[in-house]
Amino acid sequence: MKSERSGSEVVQSLVPKAKVVKAFTIYGYENLEDPSYPACAVKPTMLFCGDDSTAKSQVASLITDVGFEPVDVGGLVQALHLEHMTLLWVRMVRAHGASPNLVWAALRR
């Protein structure tokens, strides 16, 4: 069955006054436990999304505090795409044996 709505959007619909921000879901626990990559000049990226700018700012600060580069990917409508990234990471790492230390990075010129 194809997903058309994210879990975050479902939560938002059930609790309309909540300020839902999707974050910290695109990796396994290994990267949350230790997000440092000393051999690289690039920080691992933590993608996040939500509809409330204040809540997103607070989450961005948390992301920075734990060692990731926060990248805002837009409104809560983007949460489904983050869920798909989670599934991709799980498939690559848990099912196909890639290193659990695999992270995404944002490279800019």
Protein backbone atom coordinates (compact mmCIF):
# COMPACT_ATOMS: atom_id res chain seq x y z
CA MET A 1 0.00 0.00 0.00
CA LYS A 2 1.37 3.39 -0.99
CA SER A 3 1.60 6.03 1.72
CA GLU A 4 -0.13 9.28 0.87
CA ARG A 5 -0.02 10.90 4.29
CA SER A 6 2.74 11.00 6.87
CA GLY A 7 2.43 9.98 10.47
CA SER A 8 3.23 13.57 11.41
CA GLU A 9 0.31 14.84 9.36
CA VAL A 10 -1.96 12.31 11.06
CA VAL A 11 -0.79 13.51 14.49
CA GLN A 12 -1.35 17.14 13.44
CA SER A 13 -4.90 16.32 12.32
CA LEU A 14 -5.67 14.54 15.59
CA VAL A 15 -4.25 17.39 17.70
CA PRO A 16 -4.82 20.50 15.57
CA LYS A 17 -3.39 22.94 18.12
CA ALA A 18 -0.11 21.01 18.42
CA LYS A 19 2.99 22.42 16.77
CA VAL A 20 4.27 19.25 15.09
CA VAL A 21 7.83 19.20 13.78
CA LYS A 22 9.27 16.09 12.16
CA ALA A 23 12.94 15.55 12.99
CA PHE A 24 15.42 12.95 14.25
CA THR A 25 13.91 10.14 12.22
CA ILE A 26 16.08 9.66 9.14
CA TYR A 27 18.83 7.62 10.85
CA GLY A 28 19.22 4.76 13.25
CA TYR A 29 20.19 5.17 16.88
CA GLU A 30 23.89 4.80 16.09
CA ASN A 31 24.06 8.28 14.60
CA LEU A 32 21.99 9.85 17.34
CA GLU A 33 24.31 8.26 19.87
CA ASP A 34 27.40 9.79 18.23
CA PRO A 35 26.93 12.25 15.33
CA SER A 36 30.62 13.18 15.10
CA TYR A 37 32.59 12.48 11.93
CA PRO A 38 36.05 13.86 12.78
CA ALA A 39 37.63 12.85 9.47
CA CYS A 40 35.14 15.00 7.53
CA ALA A 41 34.86 18.76 7.27
CA VAL A 42 31.10 18.38 6.84
CA LYS A 43 28.60 17.85 9.65
CA PRO A 44 25.90 15.23 9.16
CA THR A 45 22.61 16.80 8.18
CA MET A 46 19.36 16.42 10.08
CA LEU A 47 16.41 17.26 7.86
CA PHE A 48 13.28 18.56 9.55
CA CYS A 49 9.92 20.06 8.63
CA GLY A 50 6.84 21.61 10.15
CA ASP A 51 4.33 24.41 9.77
CA ASP A 52 5.10 26.53 12.84
CA SER A 53 8.22 28.71 12.49
CA THR A 54 8.76 29.11 16.24
CA ALA A 55 8.58 25.38 16.88
CA LYS A 56 10.89 24.74 13.93
CA SER A 57 13.40 27.25 15.29
CA GLN A 58 13.42 25.45 18.64
CA VAL A 59 13.93 22.08 16.94
CA ALA A 60 16.72 23.53 14.78
CA SER A 61 18.49 24.61 17.99
CA LEU A 62 18.13 21.10 19.42
CA ILE A 63 19.51 19.62 16.22
CA THR A 64 22.54 21.91 16.41
CA ASP A 65 23.02 21.17 20.11
CA VAL A 66 23.32 17.43 19.47
CA GLY A 67 25.85 17.87 16.67
CA PHE A 68 23.95 17.87 13.39
CA GLU A 69 23.49 20.57 10.77
CA PRO A 70 19.78 21.45 10.71
CA VAL A 71 18.22 21.69 7.24
CA ASP A 72 14.64 22.93 7.08
CA VAL A 73 12.92 21.20 4.16
CA GLY A 74 9.63 23.08 4.44
CA GLY A 75 6.15 22.52 5.75
CA LEU A 76 4.75 19.42 7.38
CA VAL A 77 3.68 18.23 3.94
CA GLN A 78 7.36 17.23 3.48
CA ALA A 79 7.18 14.76 6.39
CA LEU A 80 6.16 11.91 4.09
CA HIS A 81 9.38 12.40 2.13
CA LEU A 82 11.40 12.23 5.36
CA GLU A 83 9.60 8.98 6.21
CA HIS A 84 10.65 7.63 2.83
CA MET A 85 14.26 8.65 3.56
CA THR A 86 13.99 6.74 6.83
CA LEU A 87 12.79 3.66 4.97
CA LEU A 88 15.65 4.04 2.47
CA TRP A 89 18.21 4.27 5.30
CA VAL A 90 16.71 1.22 7.03
CA ARG A 91 16.70 -0.80 3.84
CA MET A 92 20.30 0.15 2.98
CA VAL A 93 21.65 -0.46 6.48
CA ARG A 94 19.50 -3.08 8.16
CA ALA A 95 18.52 -5.13 5.11
CA HIS A 96 21.53 -4.73 2.81
CA GLY A 97 24.41 -4.40 5.25
CA ALA A 98 25.61 -0.82 4.67
CA SER A 99 27.38 0.78 7.61
CA PRO A 100 24.96 2.08 10.24
CA ASN A 101 27.19 5.15 10.37
CA LEU A 102 25.76 6.24 7.02
CA VAL A 103 24.42 9.81 7.18
CA TRP A 104 23.21 12.40 4.71
CA ALA A 105 25.11 15.68 4.22
CA ALA A 106 24.28 19.00 2.58
CA LEU A 107 27.11 20.22 0.38
CA ARG A 108 27.02 23.83 -0.77
CA ARG A 109 29.19 25.98 -3.01
